[in-house]
Amino acid sequence: MAGNVTDWVEAHIDENAGFKAVGRSVENFLLIEDDKKCVHPVAVIGAKPIVQVADVEPVLAHAIKPEFVINIPSKSIWTGSAIDLVHAAPAGFGSLGDLGKAFRRGDLAGYRNKEFGFFERAIGQHSNVQQLTRLYDLVFIARRNKGSALTIALIDAYNLSAEDVRHARAQYGAFDIALKMSSYGSVTSAAQEAARSMGAEAMMFRDIMGRLGR
């Protein structure tokens, strides 16, 4: 399977993007050359529907570590523990699109999704949050000084709908807060009702800071 997904990624690299595949390492990592002629090892895995520690351990066990890990299909959910292991390598992770962003920033191993990072910092630095743990790529558990822990699911939607909330529940399981990622658009009344029916809340980012303090 790893060979098949690696072949797929190699075939879909656009050389006009400023980087190109120039071969394979003995570990079967893609060797990708940037516009400065530097070559970077990139691992490709094929875990679905969830990327777990056991899926990334084999590619991180080599003496030569990849600078970036791509999973195909990109819609698979990454567990927080798998993400932590990749980051500790250190390496970046994500889709083929994320790889392109990492090359444009000039730092594959240090690549972090800016949107994820924004919410992680904002929630983690709240005065009432003692510890923030990443459960999945888009789900965090905020353990608070006062009040019970809150499981927060980030949802990328312009107008957060009931279907968006239900889809997040089906993907990630129970959560306390469905948090709309975009500052544009709205949280619909149907989304709020769907969340209430699950014993949860649906809200915009501007509301989460106050909720963390209650």
N, C-alpha and C. Protein backbone atom coordinates (compact mmCIF):
# COMPACT_ATOMS: atom_id res chain seq x y z
N MET A 1 0.82 -1.22 0.00
CA MET A 1 0.00 0.00 0.00
C MET A 1 0.85 1.26 0.00
N ALA A 2 1.94 1.25 0.81
CA ALA A 2 2.80 2.43 0.90
C ALA A 2 3.38 2.79 -0.47
N GLY A 3 3.78 1.73 -1.23
CA GLY A 3 4.32 1.98 -2.55
C GLY A 3 3.31 2.62 -3.47
N ASN A 4 2.05 2.13 -3.40
CA ASN A 4 1.00 2.67 -4.26
C ASN A 4 0.73 4.14 -3.98
N VAL A 5 0.61 4.50 -2.70
CA VAL A 5 0.30 5.89 -2.37
C VAL A 5 1.50 6.79 -2.65
N THR A 6 2.71 6.26 -2.49
CA THR A 6 3.90 7.04 -2.81
C THR A 6 3.95 7.31 -4.31
N ASP A 7 3.61 6.29 -5.11
CA ASP A 7 3.54 6.47 -6.57
C ASP A 7 2.53 7.55 -6.92
N TRP A 8 1.38 7.53 -6.22
CA TRP A 8 0.31 8.49 -6.50
C TRP A 8 0.78 9.91 -6.23
N VAL A 9 1.42 10.12 -5.09
CA VAL A 9 1.90 11.46 -4.75
C VAL A 9 2.95 11.92 -5.76
N GLU A 10 3.86 11.01 -6.10
CA GLU A 10 4.91 11.37 -7.07
C GLU A 10 4.30 11.80 -8.40
N ALA A 11 3.26 11.09 -8.82
CA ALA A 11 2.62 11.40 -10.10
C ALA A 11 1.84 12.71 -10.07
N HIS A 12 1.46 13.15 -8.87
CA HIS A 12 0.63 14.36 -8.76
C HIS A 12 1.40 15.59 -8.30
N ILE A 13 2.71 15.50 -8.24
CA ILE A 13 3.51 16.68 -7.92
C ILE A 13 3.62 17.55 -9.16
N ASP A 14 3.24 18.79 -9.02
CA ASP A 14 3.29 19.75 -10.12
C ASP A 14 4.66 20.43 -10.11
N GLU A 15 5.46 20.15 -11.11
CA GLU A 15 6.82 20.70 -11.16
C GLU A 15 6.81 22.22 -11.28
N ASN A 16 5.69 22.80 -11.71
CA ASN A 16 5.59 24.25 -11.80
C ASN A 16 5.41 24.89 -10.42
N ALA A 17 5.22 24.04 -9.38
CA ALA A 17 5.01 24.56 -8.03
C ALA A 17 6.32 24.94 -7.36
N GLY A 18 7.45 24.69 -8.01
CA GLY A 18 8.73 25.08 -7.43
C GLY A 18 9.46 23.94 -6.76
N PHE A 19 8.95 22.73 -6.87
CA PHE A 19 9.65 21.55 -6.34
C PHE A 19 9.29 20.35 -7.20
N LYS A 20 10.14 19.33 -7.18
CA LYS A 20 9.90 18.17 -8.02
C LYS A 20 10.50 16.93 -7.39
N ALA A 21 9.90 15.77 -7.70
CA ALA A 21 10.42 14.49 -7.22
C ALA A 21 11.61 14.10 -8.09
N VAL A 22 12.70 13.70 -7.41
CA VAL A 22 13.92 13.35 -8.16
C VAL A 22 14.36 11.92 -7.88
N GLY A 23 13.53 11.13 -7.16
CA GLY A 23 13.89 9.75 -6.90
C GLY A 23 13.33 9.26 -5.58
N ARG A 24 13.85 8.10 -5.15
CA ARG A 24 13.44 7.49 -3.89
C ARG A 24 14.68 7.16 -3.06
N SER A 25 14.52 7.23 -1.77
CA SER A 25 15.58 6.80 -0.87
C SER A 25 15.46 5.29 -0.63
N VAL A 26 16.43 4.69 0.05
CA VAL A 26 16.35 3.26 0.36
C VAL A 26 15.18 2.97 1.30
N GLU A 27 14.71 4.00 2.03
CA GLU A 27 13.55 3.84 2.92
C GLU A 27 12.23 3.98 2.17
N ASN A 28 12.31 4.20 0.85
CA ASN A 28 11.16 4.46 -0.01
C ASN A 28 10.53 5.82 0.25
N PHE A 29 11.32 6.74 0.81
CA PHE A 29 10.86 8.12 0.91
C PHE A 29 10.99 8.77 -0.46
N LEU A 30 10.05 9.66 -0.77
CA LEU A 30 10.20 10.48 -1.96
C LEU A 30 11.31 11.49 -1.70
N LEU A 31 12.20 11.65 -2.66
CA LEU A 31 13.23 12.66 -2.58
C LEU A 31 12.78 13.83 -3.45
N ILE A 32 12.53 14.95 -2.80
CA ILE A 32 11.94 16.09 -3.50
C ILE A 32 12.90 17.27 -3.47
N GLU A 33 13.16 17.79 -4.64
CA GLU A 33 14.12 18.88 -4.80
C GLU A 33 13.40 20.22 -4.85
N ASP A 34 13.90 21.19 -4.07
CA ASP A 34 13.29 22.51 -4.08
C ASP A 34 13.97 23.40 -5.12
N ASP A 35 13.57 24.66 -5.17
CA ASP A 35 14.10 25.55 -6.21
C ASP A 35 15.55 25.97 -5.95
N LYS A 36 16.09 25.59 -4.78
CA LYS A 36 17.50 25.86 -4.49
C LYS A 36 18.36 24.61 -4.69
N LYS A 37 17.76 23.58 -5.27
CA LYS A 37 18.43 22.32 -5.55
C LYS A 37 18.74 21.50 -4.30
N CYS A 38 18.08 21.82 -3.19
CA CYS A 38 18.21 21.01 -1.97
C CYS A 38 17.18 19.90 -2.02
N VAL A 39 17.59 18.71 -1.57
CA VAL A 39 16.72 17.53 -1.65
C VAL A 39 16.19 17.18 -0.26
N HIS A 40 14.88 16.92 -0.19
CA HIS A 40 14.22 16.66 1.09
C HIS A 40 13.48 15.32 1.05
N PRO A 41 13.68 14.46 2.07
CA PRO A 41 12.96 13.18 2.13
C PRO A 41 11.54 13.38 2.65
N VAL A 42 10.57 12.81 1.95
CA VAL A 42 9.15 12.92 2.31
C VAL A 42 8.55 11.52 2.36
N ALA A 43 7.95 11.16 3.48
CA ALA A 43 7.32 9.85 3.63
C ALA A 43 5.84 9.94 3.26
N VAL A 44 5.35 8.89 2.63
CA VAL A 44 3.93 8.80 2.28
C VAL A 44 3.37 7.54 2.90
N ILE A 45 2.25 7.69 3.63
CA ILE A 45 1.57 6.54 4.23
C ILE A 45 0.14 6.48 3.70
N GLY A 46 -0.51 5.35 3.94
CA GLY A 46 -1.87 5.17 3.41
C GLY A 46 -2.84 4.69 4.46
N ALA A 47 -2.96 5.44 5.55
CA ALA A 47 -3.85 5.03 6.64
C ALA A 47 -5.25 5.59 6.44
N LYS A 48 -6.26 4.77 6.67
CA LYS A 48 -7.64 5.25 6.62
C LYS A 48 -8.52 4.35 7.50
N PRO A 49 -9.54 4.89 8.11
CA PRO A 49 -9.95 6.30 8.10
C PRO A 49 -9.24 7.15 9.14
N ILE A 50 -8.38 6.54 9.97
CA ILE A 50 -7.70 7.27 11.05
C ILE A 50 -6.20 6.99 10.99
N VAL A 51 -5.39 8.03 11.14
CA VAL A 51 -3.94 7.89 11.21
C VAL A 51 -3.57 7.78 12.68
N GLN A 52 -2.97 6.64 13.04
CA GLN A 52 -2.60 6.40 14.42
C GLN A 52 -1.08 6.26 14.56
N VAL A 53 -0.63 6.18 15.81
CA VAL A 53 0.80 6.07 16.08
C VAL A 53 1.42 4.91 15.30
N ALA A 54 0.73 3.77 15.27
CA ALA A 54 1.26 2.59 14.59
C ALA A 54 1.46 2.81 13.09
N ASP A 55 0.76 3.80 12.52
CA ASP A 55 0.89 4.09 11.09
C ASP A 55 2.13 4.93 10.79
N VAL A 56 2.53 5.76 11.74
CA VAL A 56 3.68 6.65 11.49
C VAL A 56 4.99 6.13 12.09
N GLU A 57 4.89 5.24 13.06
CA GLU A 57 6.11 4.71 13.68
C GLU A 57 7.08 4.09 12.68
N PRO A 58 6.61 3.27 11.72
CA PRO A 58 7.56 2.63 10.80
C PRO A 58 8.39 3.63 9.98
N VAL A 59 7.78 4.73 9.54
CA VAL A 59 8.55 5.67 8.70
C VAL A 59 9.45 6.56 9.54
N LEU A 60 9.19 6.61 10.85
CA LEU A 60 10.04 7.42 11.73
C LEU A 60 11.12 6.58 12.41
N ALA A 61 11.10 5.27 12.18
CA ALA A 61 12.04 4.36 12.85
C ALA A 61 13.39 4.29 12.14
N HIS A 62 13.50 4.83 10.94
CA HIS A 62 14.74 4.77 10.18
C HIS A 62 15.77 5.76 10.74
N ALA A 63 17.03 5.49 10.47
CA ALA A 63 18.09 6.41 10.88
C ALA A 63 17.92 7.75 10.18
N ILE A 64 17.53 7.70 8.92
CA ILE A 64 17.22 8.92 8.17
C ILE A 64 15.73 9.20 8.36
N LYS A 65 15.40 10.36 8.91
CA LYS A 65 14.01 10.71 9.17
C LYS A 65 13.44 11.53 8.01
N PRO A 66 12.16 11.35 7.73
CA PRO A 66 11.54 12.23 6.73
C PRO A 66 11.36 13.63 7.32
N GLU A 67 11.34 14.61 6.46
CA GLU A 67 11.08 15.99 6.90
C GLU A 67 9.58 16.29 6.89
N PHE A 68 8.82 15.43 6.21
CA PHE A 68 7.39 15.66 6.08
C PHE A 68 6.71 14.31 5.88
N VAL A 69 5.50 14.15 6.44
CA VAL A 69 4.73 12.92 6.28
C VAL A 69 3.38 13.26 5.66
N ILE A 70 3.10 12.65 4.52
CA ILE A 70 1.81 12.82 3.85
C ILE A 70 0.99 11.55 4.04
N ASN A 71 -0.29 11.71 4.34
CA ASN A 71 -1.18 10.54 4.36
C ASN A 71 -2.16 10.64 3.21
N ILE A 72 -2.35 9.52 2.53
CA ILE A 72 -3.34 9.41 1.46
C ILE A 72 -4.33 8.32 1.86
N PRO A 73 -5.64 8.59 1.95
CA PRO A 73 -6.31 9.82 1.50
C PRO A 73 -6.19 10.95 2.51
N SER A 74 -6.23 12.17 2.01
CA SER A 74 -6.03 13.34 2.86
C SER A 74 -7.20 13.55 3.82
N LYS A 75 -8.36 12.95 3.53
CA LYS A 75 -9.53 13.14 4.40
C LYS A 75 -9.46 12.28 5.66
N SER A 76 -8.48 11.39 5.75
CA SER A 76 -8.33 10.58 6.97
C SER A 76 -8.08 11.50 8.17
N ILE A 77 -8.56 11.09 9.32
CA ILE A 77 -8.39 11.85 10.56
C ILE A 77 -7.06 11.46 11.21
N TRP A 78 -6.31 12.45 11.64
CA TRP A 78 -5.07 12.19 12.37
C TRP A 78 -5.35 12.23 13.86
N THR A 79 -4.86 11.23 14.61
CA THR A 79 -4.96 11.28 16.07
C THR A 79 -3.91 12.26 16.60
N GLY A 80 -4.21 12.84 17.75
CA GLY A 80 -3.26 13.77 18.36
C GLY A 80 -1.94 13.10 18.69
N SER A 81 -1.98 11.84 19.11
CA SER A 81 -0.74 11.13 19.46
C SER A 81 0.14 10.90 18.23
N ALA A 82 -0.47 10.64 17.07
CA ALA A 82 0.30 10.48 15.83
C ALA A 82 0.92 11.82 15.42
N ILE A 83 0.16 12.88 15.58
CA ILE A 83 0.67 14.22 15.26
C ILE A 83 1.85 14.57 16.16
N ASP A 84 1.70 14.30 17.45
CA ASP A 84 2.78 14.60 18.40
C ASP A 84 4.05 13.84 18.05
N LEU A 85 3.91 12.59 17.63
CA LEU A 85 5.07 11.77 17.28
C LEU A 85 5.78 12.33 16.05
N VAL A 86 5.01 12.73 15.06
CA VAL A 86 5.60 13.31 13.85
C VAL A 86 6.30 14.62 14.18
N HIS A 87 5.65 15.47 14.96
CA HIS A 87 6.26 16.76 15.31
C HIS A 87 7.54 16.58 16.12
N ALA A 88 7.59 15.51 16.93
CA ALA A 88 8.78 15.27 17.75
C ALA A 88 9.96 14.79 16.92
N ALA A 89 9.74 14.35 15.68
CA ALA A 89 10.81 13.75 14.86
C ALA A 89 12.05 14.64 14.65
N PRO A 90 11.98 15.94 14.25
CA PRO A 90 10.78 16.70 13.93
C PRO A 90 10.44 16.58 12.45
N ALA A 91 9.13 16.64 12.16
CA ALA A 91 8.67 16.63 10.78
C ALA A 91 7.32 17.33 10.73
N GLY A 92 6.98 17.78 9.54
CA GLY A 92 5.65 18.33 9.32
C GLY A 92 4.73 17.23 8.83
N PHE A 93 3.43 17.50 8.81
CA PHE A 93 2.48 16.51 8.29
C PHE A 93 1.35 17.24 7.57
N GLY A 94 0.66 16.48 6.74
CA GLY A 94 -0.50 17.07 6.07
C GLY A 94 -0.73 16.45 4.71
N SER A 95 -1.43 17.20 3.88
CA SER A 95 -1.79 16.76 2.54
C SER A 95 -0.72 17.19 1.53
N LEU A 96 -0.94 16.85 0.28
CA LEU A 96 -0.04 17.30 -0.78
C LEU A 96 -0.07 18.82 -0.86
N GLY A 97 -1.24 19.41 -0.62
CA GLY A 97 -1.35 20.87 -0.59
C GLY A 97 -0.54 21.47 0.53
N ASP A 98 -0.54 20.81 1.70
CA ASP A 98 0.26 21.29 2.82
C ASP A 98 1.75 21.20 2.50
N LEU A 99 2.14 20.15 1.77
CA LEU A 99 3.54 20.03 1.37
C LEU A 99 3.96 21.23 0.53
N GLY A 100 3.09 21.64 -0.38
CA GLY A 100 3.37 22.82 -1.19
C GLY A 100 3.55 24.07 -0.34
N LYS A 101 2.68 24.23 0.67
CA LYS A 101 2.80 25.38 1.58
C LYS A 101 4.12 25.32 2.34
N ALA A 102 4.50 24.11 2.77
CA ALA A 102 5.75 23.95 3.52
C ALA A 102 6.95 24.33 2.66
N PHE A 103 6.93 23.95 1.38
CA PHE A 103 8.03 24.33 0.49
C PHE A 103 8.07 25.84 0.29
N ARG A 104 6.89 26.46 0.16
CA ARG A 104 6.87 27.91 -0.03
C ARG A 104 7.39 28.65 1.20
N ARG A 105 7.16 28.06 2.39
CA ARG A 105 7.68 28.67 3.62
C ARG A 105 9.15 28.34 3.84
N GLY A 106 9.65 27.34 3.11
CA GLY A 106 11.06 26.99 3.22
C GLY A 106 11.41 26.19 4.45
N ASP A 107 10.43 25.49 5.02
CA ASP A 107 10.68 24.72 6.24
C ASP A 107 9.71 23.54 6.33
N LEU A 108 10.12 22.38 5.81
CA LEU A 108 9.24 21.22 5.83
C LEU A 108 9.09 20.66 7.23
N ALA A 109 10.20 20.45 7.92
CA ALA A 109 10.16 19.82 9.24
C ALA A 109 9.42 20.69 10.25
N GLY A 110 9.49 21.99 10.08
CA GLY A 110 8.84 22.90 11.03
C GLY A 110 7.46 23.34 10.62
N TYR A 111 6.94 22.76 9.54
CA TYR A 111 5.62 23.20 9.05
C TYR A 111 4.52 22.85 10.04
N ARG A 112 3.69 23.85 10.35
CA ARG A 112 2.50 23.65 11.17
C ARG A 112 1.36 24.40 10.49
N ASN A 113 0.20 23.78 10.44
CA ASN A 113 -0.97 24.44 9.86
C ASN A 113 -1.30 25.69 10.67
N LYS A 114 -1.32 26.84 10.03
CA LYS A 114 -1.51 28.12 10.74
C LYS A 114 -2.86 28.18 11.44
N GLU A 115 -3.90 27.66 10.79
CA GLU A 115 -5.24 27.73 11.40
C GLU A 115 -5.30 26.89 12.67
N PHE A 116 -4.76 25.66 12.60
CA PHE A 116 -4.73 24.82 13.80
C PHE A 116 -3.96 25.52 14.91
N GLY A 117 -2.82 26.09 14.53
CA GLY A 117 -1.95 26.73 15.51
C GLY A 117 -2.61 27.91 16.19
N PHE A 118 -3.39 28.66 15.44
CA PHE A 118 -4.08 29.83 16.02
C PHE A 118 -5.02 29.40 17.14
N PHE A 119 -5.84 28.40 16.87
CA PHE A 119 -6.80 27.95 17.88
C PHE A 119 -6.09 27.28 19.06
N GLU A 120 -5.05 26.52 18.75
CA GLU A 120 -4.30 25.84 19.80
C GLU A 120 -3.69 26.86 20.77
N ARG A 121 -3.12 27.92 20.21
CA ARG A 121 -2.52 28.95 21.07
C ARG A 121 -3.58 29.73 21.84
N ALA A 122 -4.63 30.14 21.15
CA ALA A 122 -5.66 30.97 21.78
C ALA A 122 -6.34 30.25 22.93
N ILE A 123 -6.70 28.99 22.71
CA ILE A 123 -7.39 28.22 23.76
C ILE A 123 -6.40 27.84 24.86
N GLY A 124 -5.21 27.40 24.45
CA GLY A 124 -4.22 26.94 25.43
C GLY A 124 -3.71 28.05 26.34
N GLN A 125 -3.75 29.29 25.87
CA GLN A 125 -3.24 30.41 26.66
C GLN A 125 -4.33 31.08 27.50
N HIS A 126 -5.55 30.57 27.44
CA HIS A 126 -6.62 31.14 28.27
C HIS A 126 -6.26 30.98 29.74
N SER A 127 -6.56 31.98 30.55
CA SER A 127 -6.15 31.98 31.96
C SER A 127 -6.78 30.85 32.76
N ASN A 128 -7.91 30.32 32.28
CA ASN A 128 -8.57 29.24 33.02
C ASN A 128 -8.24 27.85 32.46
N VAL A 129 -7.39 27.80 31.45
CA VAL A 129 -7.03 26.50 30.87
C VAL A 129 -5.69 26.05 31.45
N GLN A 130 -5.73 24.94 32.13
CA GLN A 130 -4.53 24.38 32.76
C GLN A 130 -3.71 23.57 31.78
N GLN A 131 -4.39 22.83 30.92
CA GLN A 131 -3.69 21.96 29.95
C GLN A 131 -4.58 21.78 28.72
N LEU A 132 -3.95 21.83 27.55
CA LEU A 132 -4.67 21.60 26.30
C LEU A 132 -4.07 20.37 25.63
N THR A 133 -4.90 19.37 25.38
CA THR A 133 -4.46 18.12 24.76
C THR A 133 -5.14 17.97 23.41
N ARG A 134 -4.36 17.55 22.42
CA ARG A 134 -4.92 17.34 21.09
C ARG A 134 -5.39 15.90 20.97
N LEU A 135 -6.69 15.71 20.81
CA LEU A 135 -7.26 14.37 20.69
C LEU A 135 -7.20 13.90 19.24
N TYR A 136 -7.61 14.76 18.33
CA TYR A 136 -7.52 14.52 16.89
C TYR A 136 -7.02 15.82 16.24
N ASP A 137 -6.82 15.78 14.93
CA ASP A 137 -6.32 16.97 14.24
C ASP A 137 -7.19 18.20 14.52
N LEU A 138 -8.50 18.02 14.60
CA LEU A 138 -9.41 19.14 14.80
C LEU A 138 -10.18 19.07 16.11
N VAL A 139 -9.70 18.30 17.06
CA VAL A 139 -10.39 18.17 18.35
C VAL A 139 -9.38 18.32 19.48
N PHE A 140 -9.70 19.22 20.42
CA PHE A 140 -8.84 19.48 21.57
C PHE A 140 -9.62 19.29 22.87
N ILE A 141 -8.92 18.86 23.90
CA ILE A 141 -9.51 18.79 25.23
C ILE A 141 -8.87 19.86 26.09
N ALA A 142 -9.68 20.80 26.58
CA ALA A 142 -9.19 21.87 27.44
C ALA A 142 -9.51 21.51 28.89
N ARG A 143 -8.47 21.21 29.65
CA ARG A 143 -8.64 20.93 31.08
C ARG A 143 -8.48 22.25 31.84
N ARG A 144 -9.51 22.59 32.61
CA ARG A 144 -9.57 23.92 33.19
C ARG A 144 -9.25 23.93 34.68
N ASN A 145 -8.79 25.08 35.15
CA ASN A 145 -8.55 25.26 36.59
C ASN A 145 -9.87 25.22 37.35
N LYS A 146 -10.86 25.90 36.82
CA LYS A 146 -12.20 25.91 37.40
C LYS A 146 -13.18 25.42 36.35
N GLY A 147 -13.95 24.40 36.72
CA GLY A 147 -14.88 23.82 35.77
C GLY A 147 -14.35 22.53 35.17
N SER A 148 -15.25 21.75 34.63
CA SER A 148 -14.87 20.46 34.04
C SER A 148 -14.14 20.67 32.71
N ALA A 149 -13.45 19.63 32.27
CA ALA A 149 -12.76 19.69 30.97
C ALA A 149 -13.78 19.83 29.85
N LEU A 150 -13.38 20.54 28.79
CA LEU A 150 -14.24 20.74 27.64
C LEU A 150 -13.58 20.16 26.40
N THR A 151 -14.31 19.33 25.66
CA THR A 151 -13.84 18.80 24.39
C THR A 151 -14.36 19.71 23.28
N ILE A 152 -13.43 20.26 22.51
CA ILE A 152 -13.77 21.28 21.51
C ILE A 152 -13.45 20.74 20.11
N ALA A 153 -14.47 20.69 19.27
CA ALA A 153 -14.30 20.24 17.88
C ALA A 153 -14.31 21.44 16.96
N LEU A 154 -13.22 21.65 16.22
CA LEU A 154 -13.15 22.75 15.25
C LEU A 154 -13.84 22.31 13.96
N ILE A 155 -14.70 23.18 13.44
CA ILE A 155 -15.43 22.86 12.21
C ILE A 155 -15.22 23.98 11.20
N ASP A 156 -14.74 23.62 10.03
CA ASP A 156 -14.46 24.59 8.97
C ASP A 156 -15.69 24.72 8.09
N ALA A 157 -16.50 25.74 8.35
CA ALA A 157 -17.72 25.96 7.57
C ALA A 157 -18.02 27.45 7.56
N TYR A 158 -18.54 27.96 6.46
CA TYR A 158 -18.88 29.39 6.39
C TYR A 158 -20.09 29.69 7.25
N ASN A 159 -21.19 29.01 6.98
CA ASN A 159 -22.37 29.07 7.83
C ASN A 159 -22.54 27.69 8.47
N LEU A 160 -22.22 27.58 9.74
CA LEU A 160 -22.24 26.29 10.43
C LEU A 160 -23.67 25.76 10.48
N SER A 161 -23.87 24.59 9.91
CA SER A 161 -25.20 24.00 9.81
C SER A 161 -25.37 22.83 10.75
N ALA A 162 -26.61 22.37 10.88
CA ALA A 162 -26.88 21.18 11.69
C ALA A 162 -26.15 19.98 11.11
N GLU A 163 -26.07 19.90 9.79
CA GLU A 163 -25.38 18.78 9.15
C GLU A 163 -23.89 18.81 9.46
N ASP A 164 -23.30 20.00 9.51
CA ASP A 164 -21.88 20.12 9.88
C ASP A 164 -21.64 19.58 11.29
N VAL A 165 -22.54 19.93 12.20
CA VAL A 165 -22.41 19.48 13.59
C VAL A 165 -22.57 17.97 13.68
N ARG A 166 -23.57 17.44 12.98
CA ARG A 166 -23.80 15.99 13.01
C ARG A 166 -22.64 15.23 12.37
N HIS A 167 -22.08 15.78 11.30
CA HIS A 167 -20.94 15.14 10.62
C HIS A 167 -19.73 15.09 11.55
N ALA A 168 -19.48 16.18 12.28
CA ALA A 168 -18.36 16.21 13.23
C ALA A 168 -18.57 15.17 14.33
N ARG A 169 -19.80 15.03 14.79
CA ARG A 169 -20.09 14.03 15.83
C ARG A 169 -19.84 12.62 15.30
N ALA A 170 -20.24 12.36 14.04
CA ALA A 170 -20.03 11.04 13.45
C ALA A 170 -18.54 10.75 13.26
N GLN A 171 -17.76 11.78 12.93
CA GLN A 171 -16.32 11.60 12.71
C GLN A 171 -15.54 11.43 14.01
N TYR A 172 -15.82 12.30 14.97
CA TYR A 172 -14.96 12.41 16.14
C TYR A 172 -15.56 11.90 17.44
N GLY A 173 -16.84 11.59 17.43
CA GLY A 173 -17.47 11.18 18.68
C GLY A 173 -17.98 12.38 19.45
N ALA A 174 -18.30 12.18 20.72
CA ALA A 174 -18.91 13.23 21.53
C ALA A 174 -17.96 14.39 21.79
N PHE A 175 -18.50 15.59 21.81
CA PHE A 175 -17.75 16.79 22.17
C PHE A 175 -18.69 17.73 22.90
N ASP A 176 -18.10 18.72 23.56
CA ASP A 176 -18.88 19.70 24.32
C ASP A 176 -19.17 20.95 23.51
N ILE A 177 -18.24 21.31 22.64
CA ILE A 177 -18.38 22.54 21.87
C ILE A 177 -18.03 22.29 20.40
N ALA A 178 -18.93 22.71 19.51
CA ALA A 178 -18.64 22.74 18.08
C ALA A 178 -18.23 24.18 17.78
N LEU A 179 -16.95 24.38 17.48
CA LEU A 179 -16.41 25.73 17.31
C LEU A 179 -16.18 26.03 15.84
N LYS A 180 -16.88 27.02 15.32
CA LYS A 180 -16.73 27.42 13.93
C LYS A 180 -15.38 28.09 13.73
N MET A 181 -14.60 27.60 12.78
CA MET A 181 -13.24 28.10 12.59
C MET A 181 -13.19 29.46 11.92
N SER A 182 -14.02 29.67 10.92
CA SER A 182 -13.97 30.93 10.19
C SER A 182 -14.64 32.04 10.98
N SER A 183 -14.04 33.24 10.90
CA SER A 183 -14.65 34.40 11.56
C SER A 183 -15.75 35.02 10.71
N TYR A 184 -15.88 34.52 9.47
CA TYR A 184 -16.94 35.00 8.58
C TYR A 184 -18.13 34.05 8.67
N GLY A 185 -19.27 34.51 8.15
CA GLY A 185 -20.45 33.66 8.19
C GLY A 185 -21.07 33.61 9.57
N SER A 186 -21.81 32.54 9.84
CA SER A 186 -22.56 32.48 11.09
C SER A 186 -22.73 31.05 11.58
N VAL A 187 -23.23 30.94 12.79
CA VAL A 187 -23.67 29.67 13.34
C VAL A 187 -25.20 29.68 13.25
N THR A 188 -25.76 28.77 12.48
CA THR A 188 -27.20 28.78 12.29
C THR A 188 -27.93 28.30 13.54
N SER A 189 -29.19 28.69 13.64
CA SER A 189 -30.00 28.23 14.78
C SER A 189 -30.18 26.71 14.72
N ALA A 190 -30.21 26.16 13.51
CA ALA A 190 -30.33 24.70 13.36
C ALA A 190 -29.08 24.01 13.90
N ALA A 191 -27.90 24.61 13.70
CA ALA A 191 -26.66 24.04 14.23
C ALA A 191 -26.67 24.08 15.76
N GLN A 192 -27.16 25.18 16.32
CA GLN A 192 -27.25 25.29 17.77
C GLN A 192 -28.20 24.26 18.35
N GLU A 193 -29.30 24.04 17.66
CA GLU A 193 -30.27 23.04 18.13
C GLU A 193 -29.72 21.63 18.00
N ALA A 194 -29.02 21.35 16.91
CA ALA A 194 -28.41 20.03 16.73
C ALA A 194 -27.38 19.77 17.82
N ALA A 195 -26.59 20.79 18.15
CA ALA A 195 -25.60 20.65 19.22
C ALA A 195 -26.29 20.40 20.56
N ARG A 196 -27.34 21.17 20.84
CA ARG A 196 -28.07 21.00 22.11
C ARG A 196 -28.63 19.59 22.24
N SER A 197 -29.09 19.03 21.13
CA SER A 197 -29.65 17.68 21.16
C SER A 197 -28.60 16.64 21.52
N MET A 198 -27.32 17.00 21.36
CA MET A 198 -26.21 16.11 21.70
C MET A 198 -25.60 16.45 23.06
N GLY A 199 -26.20 17.43 23.74
CA GLY A 199 -25.63 17.87 25.00
C GLY A 199 -24.42 18.75 24.82
N ALA A 200 -24.35 19.45 23.69
CA ALA A 200 -23.19 20.29 23.35
C ALA A 200 -23.66 21.70 23.01
N GLU A 201 -22.70 22.55 22.64
CA GLU A 201 -22.97 23.91 22.22
C GLU A 201 -22.27 24.16 20.89
N ALA A 202 -22.84 25.04 20.09
CA ALA A 202 -22.21 25.47 18.84
C ALA A 202 -21.98 26.97 18.92
N MET A 203 -20.78 27.40 18.58
CA MET A 203 -20.47 28.82 18.75
C MET A 203 -19.37 29.30 17.82
N MET A 204 -19.26 30.64 17.75
CA MET A 204 -18.19 31.31 17.02
C MET A 204 -16.97 31.42 17.95
N PHE A 205 -15.82 31.74 17.34
CA PHE A 205 -14.61 31.89 18.14
C PHE A 205 -14.75 33.00 19.18
N ARG A 206 -15.45 34.08 18.83
CA ARG A 206 -15.58 35.21 19.77
C ARG A 206 -16.28 34.81 21.05
N ASP A 207 -17.01 33.69 21.02
CA ASP A 207 -17.75 33.23 22.22
C ASP A 207 -16.96 32.25 23.07
N ILE A 208 -15.90 31.65 22.52
CA ILE A 208 -15.23 30.55 23.22
C ILE A 208 -14.44 31.04 24.44
N MET A 209 -13.90 32.25 24.35
CA MET A 209 -13.09 32.73 25.48
C MET A 209 -13.94 32.87 26.74
N GLY A 210 -15.15 33.43 26.58
CA GLY A 210 -16.03 33.54 27.73
C GLY A 210 -16.50 32.19 28.23
N ARG A 211 -16.72 31.27 27.30
CA ARG A 211 -17.19 29.93 27.70
C ARG A 211 -16.12 29.18 28.48
N LEU A 212 -14.87 29.36 28.12
CA LEU A 212 -13.78 28.69 28.84
C LEU A 212 -13.68 29.18 30.28
N GLY A 213 -14.09 30.41 30.53
CA GLY A 213 -14.00 30.95 31.87
C GLY A 213 -15.16 30.62 32.78
N ARG A 214 -16.24 30.06 32.20
CA ARG A 214 -17.43 29.77 33.02
C ARG A 214 -17.38 28.38 33.61
